[in-house]
N, C-alpha and C. Protein backbone atom coordinates (compact mmCIF):
# COMPACT_ATOMS: atom_id res chain seq x y z
N UNK A 1 217.17 238.28 177.87
CA UNK A 1 216.57 239.02 176.77
C UNK A 1 217.66 239.44 175.80
N UNK A 2 217.45 239.16 174.55
CA UNK A 2 218.43 239.53 173.54
C UNK A 2 218.29 240.99 173.14
N UNK A 3 219.44 241.60 172.84
CA UNK A 3 219.46 242.98 172.32
C UNK A 3 219.56 242.91 170.80
N UNK A 4 219.20 244.00 170.14
CA UNK A 4 219.22 244.03 168.68
C UNK A 4 220.59 243.71 168.09
N UNK A 5 221.68 244.07 168.81
CA UNK A 5 223.02 243.85 168.26
C UNK A 5 223.65 242.53 168.72
N UNK A 6 222.91 241.69 169.44
CA UNK A 6 223.42 240.38 169.83
C UNK A 6 223.54 239.49 168.59
N UNK A 7 224.62 238.76 168.53
CA UNK A 7 224.87 237.86 167.40
C UNK A 7 224.07 236.58 167.58
N UNK A 8 223.44 236.13 166.49
CA UNK A 8 222.69 234.89 166.51
C UNK A 8 223.09 234.04 165.30
N UNK A 9 222.90 232.74 165.42
CA UNK A 9 223.17 231.81 164.34
C UNK A 9 221.85 231.16 163.94
N UNK A 10 221.46 231.35 162.70
CA UNK A 10 220.23 230.75 162.18
C UNK A 10 220.64 229.56 161.32
N UNK A 11 220.05 228.41 161.56
CA UNK A 11 220.39 227.20 160.82
C UNK A 11 219.20 226.82 159.93
N UNK A 12 219.51 226.56 158.67
CA UNK A 12 218.48 226.18 157.72
C UNK A 12 219.06 225.17 156.74
N UNK A 13 218.29 224.77 155.75
CA UNK A 13 218.73 223.84 154.72
C UNK A 13 218.20 224.28 153.37
N UNK A 14 218.87 223.82 152.32
CA UNK A 14 218.40 224.03 150.94
C UNK A 14 218.45 222.68 150.24
N UNK A 15 217.61 222.47 149.24
CA UNK A 15 217.58 221.18 148.57
C UNK A 15 218.77 220.91 147.65
N UNK A 16 219.51 221.97 147.28
CA UNK A 16 220.67 221.78 146.42
C UNK A 16 221.64 222.95 146.59
N UNK A 17 222.86 222.76 146.08
CA UNK A 17 223.91 223.76 146.25
C UNK A 17 223.59 225.06 145.53
N UNK A 18 223.00 224.98 144.35
CA UNK A 18 222.67 226.19 143.60
C UNK A 18 221.75 227.11 144.38
N UNK A 19 220.69 226.55 144.97
CA UNK A 19 219.76 227.36 145.75
C UNK A 19 220.43 227.84 147.04
N UNK A 20 221.24 227.01 147.67
CA UNK A 20 221.96 227.42 148.88
C UNK A 20 222.84 228.63 148.60
N UNK A 21 223.54 228.62 147.47
CA UNK A 21 224.38 229.76 147.08
C UNK A 21 223.54 231.00 146.83
N UNK A 22 222.39 230.81 146.20
CA UNK A 22 221.49 231.95 145.93
C UNK A 22 221.00 232.57 147.24
N UNK A 23 220.58 231.72 148.16
CA UNK A 23 220.13 232.21 149.47
C UNK A 23 221.25 232.98 150.16
N UNK A 24 222.46 232.40 150.17
CA UNK A 24 223.60 233.04 150.82
C UNK A 24 223.88 234.41 150.21
N UNK A 25 223.91 234.49 148.88
CA UNK A 25 224.19 235.77 148.22
C UNK A 25 223.14 236.81 148.54
N UNK A 26 221.86 236.43 148.49
CA UNK A 26 220.77 237.37 148.77
C UNK A 26 220.88 237.90 150.20
N UNK A 27 221.10 237.01 151.16
CA UNK A 27 221.16 237.42 152.57
C UNK A 27 222.33 238.37 152.83
N UNK A 28 223.49 238.06 152.26
CA UNK A 28 224.66 238.92 152.47
C UNK A 28 224.52 240.23 151.71
N UNK A 29 224.11 240.16 150.44
CA UNK A 29 223.95 241.38 149.64
C UNK A 29 222.89 242.32 150.22
N UNK A 30 221.82 241.78 150.78
CA UNK A 30 220.75 242.60 151.37
C UNK A 30 221.06 243.05 152.79
N UNK A 31 222.23 242.67 153.31
CA UNK A 31 222.63 243.09 154.65
C UNK A 31 221.91 242.37 155.77
N UNK A 32 221.26 241.24 155.47
CA UNK A 32 220.56 240.48 156.50
C UNK A 32 221.47 239.51 157.24
N UNK A 33 222.66 239.26 156.68
CA UNK A 33 223.62 238.35 157.31
C UNK A 33 225.02 238.90 157.10
N UNK A 34 225.86 238.71 158.11
CA UNK A 34 227.26 239.10 157.99
C UNK A 34 228.03 238.04 157.22
N UNK A 35 227.62 236.79 157.37
CA UNK A 35 228.31 235.66 156.76
C UNK A 35 227.34 234.49 156.69
N UNK A 36 227.46 233.72 155.61
CA UNK A 36 226.65 232.51 155.47
C UNK A 36 227.59 231.37 155.10
N UNK A 37 227.56 230.30 155.89
CA UNK A 37 228.38 229.12 155.62
C UNK A 37 227.50 228.03 155.03
N UNK A 38 228.00 227.41 153.95
CA UNK A 38 227.31 226.29 153.33
C UNK A 38 228.09 225.03 153.64
N UNK A 39 227.41 224.02 154.14
CA UNK A 39 228.06 222.77 154.49
C UNK A 39 227.95 221.74 153.38
N UNK A 40 228.56 220.60 153.61
CA UNK A 40 228.49 219.49 152.66
C UNK A 40 227.09 218.89 152.68
N UNK A 41 226.58 218.48 151.53
CA UNK A 41 225.24 217.87 151.49
C UNK A 41 225.18 216.64 152.39
N UNK A 42 224.02 216.44 153.00
CA UNK A 42 223.80 215.30 153.87
C UNK A 42 222.35 214.89 153.83
N UNK A 43 222.08 213.73 154.34
CA UNK A 43 220.72 213.20 154.34
C UNK A 43 219.91 213.78 155.49
N UNK A 44 218.75 214.32 155.18
CA UNK A 44 217.82 214.81 156.19
C UNK A 44 216.61 213.88 156.21
N UNK A 45 216.16 213.54 157.40
CA UNK A 45 214.96 212.72 157.59
C UNK A 45 213.92 213.61 158.27
N UNK A 46 212.72 213.64 157.73
CA UNK A 46 211.71 214.56 158.24
C UNK A 46 210.31 214.01 157.96
N UNK A 47 209.33 214.60 158.63
CA UNK A 47 207.93 214.24 158.43
C UNK A 47 207.32 215.22 157.44
N UNK A 48 206.74 214.71 156.36
CA UNK A 48 206.14 215.57 155.34
C UNK A 48 204.79 214.98 154.95
N UNK A 49 203.73 215.75 155.18
CA UNK A 49 202.37 215.30 154.88
C UNK A 49 202.06 213.95 155.54
N UNK A 50 202.49 213.80 156.79
CA UNK A 50 202.20 212.60 157.55
C UNK A 50 203.08 211.40 157.23
N UNK A 51 204.04 211.54 156.34
CA UNK A 51 204.93 210.45 155.95
C UNK A 51 206.38 210.80 156.29
N UNK A 52 207.16 209.79 156.71
CA UNK A 52 208.58 209.99 156.94
C UNK A 52 209.28 209.99 155.59
N UNK A 53 209.99 211.05 155.31
CA UNK A 53 210.69 211.22 154.04
C UNK A 53 212.17 211.41 154.30
N UNK A 54 212.95 211.33 153.27
CA UNK A 54 214.38 211.59 153.36
C UNK A 54 214.86 212.22 152.07
N UNK A 55 215.77 213.17 152.17
CA UNK A 55 216.31 213.83 150.99
C UNK A 55 217.67 214.41 151.33
N UNK A 56 218.51 214.53 150.30
CA UNK A 56 219.80 215.18 150.49
C UNK A 56 219.58 216.69 150.51
N UNK A 57 220.18 217.36 151.49
CA UNK A 57 220.06 218.80 151.62
C UNK A 57 221.42 219.42 151.94
N UNK A 58 221.53 220.70 151.64
CA UNK A 58 222.73 221.46 151.95
C UNK A 58 222.47 222.29 153.20
N UNK A 59 223.24 222.09 154.29
CA UNK A 59 223.04 222.89 155.49
C UNK A 59 223.54 224.32 155.29
N UNK A 60 222.80 225.26 155.85
CA UNK A 60 223.13 226.68 155.76
C UNK A 60 223.20 227.25 157.17
N UNK A 61 224.31 227.87 157.51
CA UNK A 61 224.47 228.55 158.80
C UNK A 61 224.56 230.04 158.52
N UNK A 62 223.60 230.79 159.04
CA UNK A 62 223.48 232.22 158.77
C UNK A 62 223.89 232.98 160.02
N UNK A 63 224.96 233.77 159.93
CA UNK A 63 225.44 234.58 161.05
C UNK A 63 224.88 235.98 160.89
N UNK A 64 224.07 236.39 161.86
CA UNK A 64 223.41 237.68 161.78
C UNK A 64 223.24 238.25 163.18
N UNK A 65 222.42 239.26 163.33
CA UNK A 65 222.12 239.82 164.65
C UNK A 65 220.63 239.65 164.93
N UNK A 66 220.27 239.90 166.18
CA UNK A 66 218.89 239.73 166.61
C UNK A 66 218.01 240.90 166.16
N UNK A 67 218.61 241.91 165.57
CA UNK A 67 217.86 243.10 165.13
C UNK A 67 216.52 242.70 164.54
N UNK A 68 215.60 243.64 164.49
CA UNK A 68 214.23 243.29 164.08
C UNK A 68 214.15 242.63 162.70
N UNK A 69 214.49 241.37 162.66
CA UNK A 69 214.38 240.57 161.44
C UNK A 69 213.52 239.37 161.82
N UNK A 70 212.53 239.07 161.01
CA UNK A 70 211.70 237.90 161.27
C UNK A 70 212.45 236.68 160.75
N UNK A 71 213.02 235.88 161.66
CA UNK A 71 213.85 234.76 161.24
C UNK A 71 213.07 233.70 160.49
N UNK A 72 211.77 233.62 160.72
CA UNK A 72 210.98 232.65 159.95
C UNK A 72 210.88 233.08 158.50
N UNK A 73 211.14 234.35 158.23
CA UNK A 73 211.07 234.87 156.87
C UNK A 73 212.44 235.20 156.30
N UNK A 74 213.49 234.87 157.01
CA UNK A 74 214.84 235.21 156.57
C UNK A 74 215.17 234.56 155.23
N UNK A 75 214.80 233.32 155.04
CA UNK A 75 215.08 232.64 153.77
C UNK A 75 213.82 232.40 152.96
N UNK A 76 212.68 232.84 153.47
CA UNK A 76 211.40 232.58 152.82
C UNK A 76 211.33 232.99 151.36
N UNK A 77 211.86 234.15 150.95
CA UNK A 77 211.71 234.54 149.55
C UNK A 77 212.40 233.60 148.56
N UNK A 78 213.35 232.82 149.00
CA UNK A 78 214.13 232.00 148.07
C UNK A 78 214.04 230.51 148.32
N UNK A 79 213.34 230.07 149.33
CA UNK A 79 213.32 228.65 149.66
C UNK A 79 212.04 227.97 149.17
N UNK A 80 212.13 226.73 148.69
CA UNK A 80 210.94 226.01 148.24
C UNK A 80 210.19 225.31 149.37
N UNK A 81 210.67 225.42 150.63
CA UNK A 81 210.08 224.69 151.74
C UNK A 81 208.90 225.42 152.37
N UNK A 82 208.08 226.03 151.58
CA UNK A 82 206.95 226.78 152.11
C UNK A 82 205.66 226.18 151.62
C-alpha cells in the first residue's frame, strides 16, 4: 500500500514540444509535480477509433507523490487526448 508521501513516476505523452512544455510548467507551478522531464520525440503506435494509428509524440515523465491526486486527471486540463 502506498503512502501519500511515496514518490511515483507518471508517464504520459504530448503531441508536440510546445504542449509538453506547457504541461510541465503547469504541473510544476501548481505544485503537482516536483520535476517533469521531456524526452526526445518518437513514434507512438496506438489504437484509435478501431484503427491502428501512428504519430510523433513527446514523452513526459512526471515525478510526484502518491498524495491524493487523481493521476488520470493530472494532465487532463492541458492535453488533447481526451
